[in-house]
Amino acid sequence: MIIIDHGMVVAQGSPGDLMSATSSDHLLFGATPNLDCAGLSATIGSHVSETSHGEYRVEAQPTPALVAAVTSWLAAQNIQLTDLRAERQRLDDVFRRLTDSSKPTDSNNSTDSSSS
């Protein structure tokens, strides 16, 4: 499989290779909209973003320690958790991440797995 963005090959390899070359798992949770993502990120040591109104994504492996840290932070802020789930990245997530034109591109970041 080859992923092309703006006429340039940005990644190449089997679907499994492409998915394992980037962070694949993350924690998703629902809570009050407009949380202090920077504060939560600083507390847990992982990037947190609000992906849609009241829906959040933590860019880290969803370990028991991470789940405990997120829920402890929410409890300390007296914020009710409405949803919590771990999710594996899908191939379309990899494609979007590699072809997101809003991020600076670095041609040295392409994954070349031509031995597959």
N, C-alpha and C. Protein backbone atom coordinates (compact mmCIF):
# COMPACT_ATOMS: atom_id res chain seq x y z
N MET A 1 0.84 -1.16 0.00
CA MET A 1 0.00 0.00 0.00
C MET A 1 0.90 1.24 0.00
N ILE A 2 0.53 2.21 -0.80
CA ILE A 2 1.25 3.48 -0.88
C ILE A 2 0.26 4.60 -0.60
N ILE A 3 0.65 5.53 0.26
CA ILE A 3 -0.17 6.71 0.54
C ILE A 3 0.51 7.91 -0.09
N ILE A 4 -0.24 8.61 -0.93
CA ILE A 4 0.28 9.77 -1.65
C ILE A 4 -0.46 11.01 -1.19
N ASP A 5 0.28 12.08 -0.93
CA ASP A 5 -0.30 13.35 -0.53
C ASP A 5 0.32 14.45 -1.39
N HIS A 6 -0.50 15.19 -2.09
CA HIS A 6 -0.05 16.27 -2.97
C HIS A 6 1.04 15.80 -3.93
N GLY A 7 0.84 14.59 -4.50
CA GLY A 7 1.76 14.07 -5.49
C GLY A 7 3.02 13.44 -4.95
N MET A 8 3.17 13.37 -3.63
CA MET A 8 4.37 12.81 -3.02
C MET A 8 4.00 11.58 -2.20
N VAL A 9 4.84 10.55 -2.28
CA VAL A 9 4.64 9.36 -1.45
C VAL A 9 5.00 9.74 -0.01
N VAL A 10 4.03 9.61 0.90
CA VAL A 10 4.29 9.95 2.30
C VAL A 10 4.44 8.71 3.16
N ALA A 11 3.98 7.56 2.67
CA ALA A 11 4.14 6.31 3.41
C ALA A 11 3.94 5.14 2.47
N GLN A 12 4.56 4.03 2.83
CA GLN A 12 4.46 2.85 1.99
C GLN A 12 4.68 1.63 2.87
N GLY A 13 3.91 0.59 2.64
CA GLY A 13 4.05 -0.65 3.39
C GLY A 13 2.72 -1.37 3.48
N SER A 14 2.71 -2.45 4.22
CA SER A 14 1.46 -3.18 4.41
C SER A 14 0.56 -2.37 5.35
N PRO A 15 -0.74 -2.62 5.34
CA PRO A 15 -1.61 -1.91 6.28
C PRO A 15 -1.15 -2.05 7.73
N GLY A 16 -0.72 -3.25 8.11
CA GLY A 16 -0.23 -3.46 9.47
C GLY A 16 1.01 -2.64 9.77
N ASP A 17 1.93 -2.56 8.80
CA ASP A 17 3.14 -1.75 8.97
C ASP A 17 2.80 -0.28 9.14
N LEU A 18 1.90 0.21 8.31
CA LEU A 18 1.52 1.63 8.39
C LEU A 18 0.85 1.95 9.72
N MET A 19 0.01 1.05 10.20
CA MET A 19 -0.69 1.30 11.46
C MET A 19 0.25 1.18 12.66
N SER A 20 1.25 0.32 12.59
CA SER A 20 2.16 0.17 13.72
C SER A 20 3.26 1.23 13.73
N ALA A 21 3.44 1.94 12.61
CA ALA A 21 4.49 2.97 12.53
C ALA A 21 4.11 4.25 13.26
N THR A 22 2.84 4.42 13.59
CA THR A 22 2.38 5.60 14.32
C THR A 22 1.71 5.14 15.60
N SER A 23 1.53 6.07 16.53
CA SER A 23 0.86 5.68 17.77
C SER A 23 -0.51 5.14 17.43
N SER A 24 -0.81 3.96 17.95
CA SER A 24 -2.01 3.29 17.48
C SER A 24 -3.17 3.30 18.45
N ASP A 25 -2.91 3.43 19.70
CA ASP A 25 -3.99 3.36 20.67
C ASP A 25 -4.14 4.70 21.37
N HIS A 26 -5.35 4.97 21.80
CA HIS A 26 -5.61 6.20 22.53
C HIS A 26 -6.82 6.02 23.41
N LEU A 27 -6.98 6.93 24.34
CA LEU A 27 -8.10 6.92 25.27
C LEU A 27 -9.06 8.01 24.85
N LEU A 28 -10.33 7.67 24.77
CA LEU A 28 -11.37 8.64 24.44
C LEU A 28 -12.30 8.75 25.64
N PHE A 29 -12.76 9.98 25.92
CA PHE A 29 -13.72 10.13 27.00
C PHE A 29 -14.63 11.31 26.73
N GLY A 30 -15.78 11.27 27.36
CA GLY A 30 -16.74 12.35 27.26
C GLY A 30 -16.89 13.02 28.61
N ALA A 31 -17.03 14.33 28.59
CA ALA A 31 -17.20 15.12 29.81
C ALA A 31 -17.73 16.49 29.41
N THR A 32 -17.77 17.39 30.36
CA THR A 32 -18.21 18.75 30.11
C THR A 32 -17.41 19.38 28.97
N PRO A 33 -18.05 20.09 28.07
CA PRO A 33 -17.31 20.76 26.98
C PRO A 33 -16.33 21.81 27.52
N ASN A 34 -15.32 22.08 26.74
CA ASN A 34 -14.32 23.12 27.02
C ASN A 34 -13.51 22.88 28.29
N LEU A 35 -13.11 21.63 28.51
CA LEU A 35 -12.23 21.34 29.64
C LEU A 35 -10.89 22.04 29.45
N ASP A 36 -10.16 22.17 30.53
CA ASP A 36 -8.80 22.70 30.49
C ASP A 36 -7.88 21.58 29.99
N CYS A 37 -7.82 21.42 28.68
CA CYS A 37 -7.01 20.34 28.09
C CYS A 37 -5.53 20.51 28.41
N ALA A 38 -5.06 21.75 28.45
CA ALA A 38 -3.65 21.99 28.77
C ALA A 38 -3.36 21.56 30.21
N GLY A 39 -4.27 21.86 31.12
CA GLY A 39 -4.09 21.46 32.51
C GLY A 39 -4.09 19.95 32.68
N LEU A 40 -5.03 19.29 32.01
CA LEU A 40 -5.08 17.83 32.08
C LEU A 40 -3.84 17.23 31.42
N SER A 41 -3.43 17.77 30.29
CA SER A 41 -2.23 17.28 29.60
C SER A 41 -1.01 17.38 30.51
N ALA A 42 -0.87 18.52 31.19
CA ALA A 42 0.27 18.72 32.08
C ALA A 42 0.24 17.73 33.24
N THR A 43 -0.95 17.45 33.74
CA THR A 43 -1.08 16.53 34.87
C THR A 43 -0.75 15.09 34.50
N ILE A 44 -1.23 14.65 33.35
CA ILE A 44 -1.05 13.23 32.98
C ILE A 44 0.17 12.98 32.10
N GLY A 45 0.77 14.04 31.56
CA GLY A 45 1.96 13.89 30.73
C GLY A 45 1.70 13.39 29.32
N SER A 46 0.48 13.57 28.84
CA SER A 46 0.12 13.17 27.47
C SER A 46 -0.78 14.23 26.87
N HIS A 47 -0.71 14.38 25.55
CA HIS A 47 -1.52 15.39 24.86
C HIS A 47 -3.00 15.03 24.92
N VAL A 48 -3.82 16.01 25.28
CA VAL A 48 -5.27 15.85 25.33
C VAL A 48 -5.88 16.91 24.43
N SER A 49 -6.85 16.51 23.60
CA SER A 49 -7.53 17.47 22.74
C SER A 49 -9.03 17.20 22.77
N GLU A 50 -9.80 18.27 22.57
CA GLU A 50 -11.25 18.14 22.47
C GLU A 50 -11.55 17.92 20.99
N THR A 51 -11.97 16.72 20.63
CA THR A 51 -12.18 16.37 19.23
C THR A 51 -13.52 16.85 18.71
N SER A 52 -14.49 16.96 19.57
CA SER A 52 -15.79 17.54 19.26
C SER A 52 -16.38 17.99 20.59
N HIS A 53 -17.52 18.64 20.56
CA HIS A 53 -18.13 19.23 21.75
C HIS A 53 -18.27 18.19 22.88
N GLY A 54 -17.43 18.31 23.91
CA GLY A 54 -17.50 17.42 25.06
C GLY A 54 -16.88 16.04 24.85
N GLU A 55 -16.17 15.85 23.75
CA GLU A 55 -15.49 14.57 23.47
C GLU A 55 -13.99 14.83 23.41
N TYR A 56 -13.22 14.00 24.12
CA TYR A 56 -11.79 14.23 24.27
C TYR A 56 -10.99 13.00 23.87
N ARG A 57 -9.76 13.26 23.44
CA ARG A 57 -8.85 12.20 23.01
C ARG A 57 -7.52 12.40 23.73
N VAL A 58 -7.02 11.34 24.37
CA VAL A 58 -5.72 11.35 25.03
C VAL A 58 -4.79 10.52 24.16
N GLU A 59 -3.72 11.15 23.69
CA GLU A 59 -2.76 10.49 22.80
C GLU A 59 -1.76 9.69 23.62
N ALA A 60 -2.19 8.53 24.09
CA ALA A 60 -1.32 7.66 24.88
C ALA A 60 -1.95 6.28 24.95
N GLN A 61 -1.14 5.30 25.24
CA GLN A 61 -1.65 3.95 25.45
C GLN A 61 -2.63 3.98 26.62
N PRO A 62 -3.80 3.39 26.48
CA PRO A 62 -4.81 3.44 27.55
C PRO A 62 -4.52 2.44 28.67
N THR A 63 -3.46 2.69 29.40
CA THR A 63 -3.07 1.82 30.51
C THR A 63 -3.96 2.08 31.72
N PRO A 64 -4.00 1.15 32.68
CA PRO A 64 -4.76 1.41 33.90
C PRO A 64 -4.30 2.68 34.62
N ALA A 65 -2.99 2.94 34.60
CA ALA A 65 -2.48 4.15 35.25
C ALA A 65 -3.00 5.41 34.56
N LEU A 66 -3.08 5.40 33.23
CA LEU A 66 -3.59 6.56 32.51
C LEU A 66 -5.07 6.77 32.81
N VAL A 67 -5.84 5.70 32.79
CA VAL A 67 -7.27 5.81 33.10
C VAL A 67 -7.45 6.39 34.50
N ALA A 68 -6.66 5.90 35.46
CA ALA A 68 -6.75 6.40 36.83
C ALA A 68 -6.37 7.88 36.90
N ALA A 69 -5.34 8.28 36.17
CA ALA A 69 -4.90 9.68 36.20
C ALA A 69 -5.97 10.60 35.61
N VAL A 70 -6.57 10.20 34.50
CA VAL A 70 -7.61 11.03 33.87
C VAL A 70 -8.82 11.14 34.78
N THR A 71 -9.29 10.01 35.29
CA THR A 71 -10.49 10.05 36.14
C THR A 71 -10.22 10.75 37.46
N SER A 72 -9.01 10.65 37.99
CA SER A 72 -8.66 11.38 39.21
C SER A 72 -8.67 12.88 38.97
N TRP A 73 -8.14 13.30 37.82
CA TRP A 73 -8.13 14.73 37.50
C TRP A 73 -9.56 15.23 37.36
N LEU A 74 -10.41 14.47 36.67
CA LEU A 74 -11.81 14.87 36.52
C LEU A 74 -12.49 14.96 37.88
N ALA A 75 -12.23 13.99 38.76
CA ALA A 75 -12.83 14.00 40.09
C ALA A 75 -12.36 15.22 40.89
N ALA A 76 -11.08 15.55 40.79
CA ALA A 76 -10.55 16.72 41.51
C ALA A 76 -11.18 18.01 41.02
N GLN A 77 -11.60 18.04 39.75
CA GLN A 77 -12.25 19.23 39.18
C GLN A 77 -13.77 19.17 39.33
N ASN A 78 -14.27 18.09 39.95
CA ASN A 78 -15.71 17.84 40.11
C ASN A 78 -16.43 17.82 38.76
N ILE A 79 -15.81 17.13 37.80
CA ILE A 79 -16.36 17.01 36.45
C ILE A 79 -16.83 15.58 36.24
N GLN A 80 -18.07 15.44 35.81
CA GLN A 80 -18.64 14.11 35.60
C GLN A 80 -18.17 13.51 34.28
N LEU A 81 -17.75 12.28 34.35
CA LEU A 81 -17.36 11.51 33.18
C LEU A 81 -18.62 10.94 32.55
N THR A 82 -18.80 11.15 31.25
CA THR A 82 -20.00 10.63 30.58
C THR A 82 -19.71 9.43 29.68
N ASP A 83 -18.45 9.22 29.35
CA ASP A 83 -18.08 8.12 28.46
C ASP A 83 -16.59 7.88 28.61
N LEU A 84 -16.17 6.63 28.51
CA LEU A 84 -14.75 6.29 28.59
C LEU A 84 -14.52 5.04 27.77
N ARG A 85 -13.57 5.12 26.84
CA ARG A 85 -13.27 3.96 26.01
C ARG A 85 -11.85 4.03 25.45
N ALA A 86 -11.30 2.87 25.24
CA ALA A 86 -10.00 2.76 24.58
C ALA A 86 -10.27 2.43 23.12
N GLU A 87 -9.45 2.95 22.25
CA GLU A 87 -9.69 2.72 20.83
C GLU A 87 -8.37 2.51 20.10
N ARG A 88 -8.39 1.56 19.19
CA ARG A 88 -7.24 1.34 18.31
C ARG A 88 -7.43 2.16 17.06
N GLN A 89 -6.36 2.64 16.54
CA GLN A 89 -6.43 3.43 15.31
C GLN A 89 -6.79 2.52 14.14
N ARG A 90 -7.51 3.07 13.20
CA ARG A 90 -7.89 2.36 11.98
C ARG A 90 -7.03 2.88 10.83
N LEU A 91 -7.06 2.16 9.73
CA LEU A 91 -6.26 2.56 8.58
C LEU A 91 -6.65 3.94 8.08
N ASP A 92 -7.93 4.29 8.13
CA ASP A 92 -8.33 5.62 7.68
C ASP A 92 -7.80 6.70 8.63
N ASP A 93 -7.59 6.37 9.92
CA ASP A 93 -6.97 7.32 10.85
C ASP A 93 -5.53 7.60 10.43
N VAL A 94 -4.81 6.55 10.03
CA VAL A 94 -3.43 6.70 9.56
C VAL A 94 -3.40 7.59 8.32
N PHE A 95 -4.30 7.31 7.38
CA PHE A 95 -4.36 8.11 6.16
C PHE A 95 -4.60 9.58 6.48
N ARG A 96 -5.57 9.86 7.33
CA ARG A 96 -5.86 11.27 7.69
C ARG A 96 -4.68 11.93 8.38
N ARG A 97 -4.03 11.19 9.27
CA ARG A 97 -2.89 11.77 9.99
C ARG A 97 -1.75 12.09 9.03
N LEU A 98 -1.51 11.20 8.06
CA LEU A 98 -0.41 11.40 7.12
C LEU A 98 -0.70 12.46 6.06
N THR A 99 -1.97 12.70 5.78
CA THR A 99 -2.33 13.64 4.71
C THR A 99 -2.98 14.91 5.23
N ASP A 100 -2.92 15.15 6.54
CA ASP A 100 -3.51 16.35 7.12
C ASP A 100 -2.70 17.56 6.70
N SER A 101 -3.24 18.35 5.78
CA SER A 101 -2.51 19.50 5.24
C SER A 101 -2.38 20.64 6.23
N SER A 102 -3.06 20.58 7.38
CA SER A 102 -2.93 21.66 8.36
C SER A 102 -1.68 21.49 9.20
N LYS A 103 -1.04 20.31 9.14
CA LYS A 103 0.18 20.06 9.89
C LYS A 103 1.37 20.27 8.97
N PRO A 104 2.50 20.75 9.53
CA PRO A 104 3.69 20.88 8.70
C PRO A 104 4.13 19.51 8.22
N THR A 105 4.56 19.43 6.97
CA THR A 105 5.00 18.14 6.44
C THR A 105 6.49 18.01 6.58
N ASP A 106 6.94 16.79 6.78
CA ASP A 106 8.36 16.47 6.88
C ASP A 106 8.58 15.22 6.05
N SER A 107 9.19 15.38 4.90
CA SER A 107 9.35 14.24 3.99
C SER A 107 10.21 13.14 4.60
N ASN A 108 10.95 13.44 5.65
CA ASN A 108 11.76 12.43 6.30
C ASN A 108 10.95 11.53 7.21
N ASN A 109 9.67 11.85 7.45
CA ASN A 109 8.84 11.06 8.33
C ASN A 109 8.11 9.94 7.63
N SER A 110 8.30 9.77 6.33
CA SER A 110 7.56 8.72 5.63
C SER A 110 8.06 7.36 6.07
N THR A 111 7.17 6.40 6.04
CA THR A 111 7.49 5.04 6.43
C THR A 111 7.76 4.23 5.18
N ASP A 112 8.96 3.73 5.04
CA ASP A 112 9.29 2.91 3.88
C ASP A 112 9.47 1.48 4.33
N SER A 113 8.52 0.65 4.02
CA SER A 113 8.57 -0.76 4.37
C SER A 113 8.53 -1.60 3.11
N SER A 114 9.40 -1.29 2.18
CA SER A 114 9.36 -1.96 0.88
C SER A 114 9.71 -3.43 0.97
N SER A 115 10.24 -3.89 2.11
CA SER A 115 10.55 -5.31 2.25
C SER A 115 9.31 -6.13 2.52
N SER A 116 8.14 -5.49 2.70
CA SER A 116 6.90 -6.22 2.96
C SER A 116 6.28 -6.72 1.69
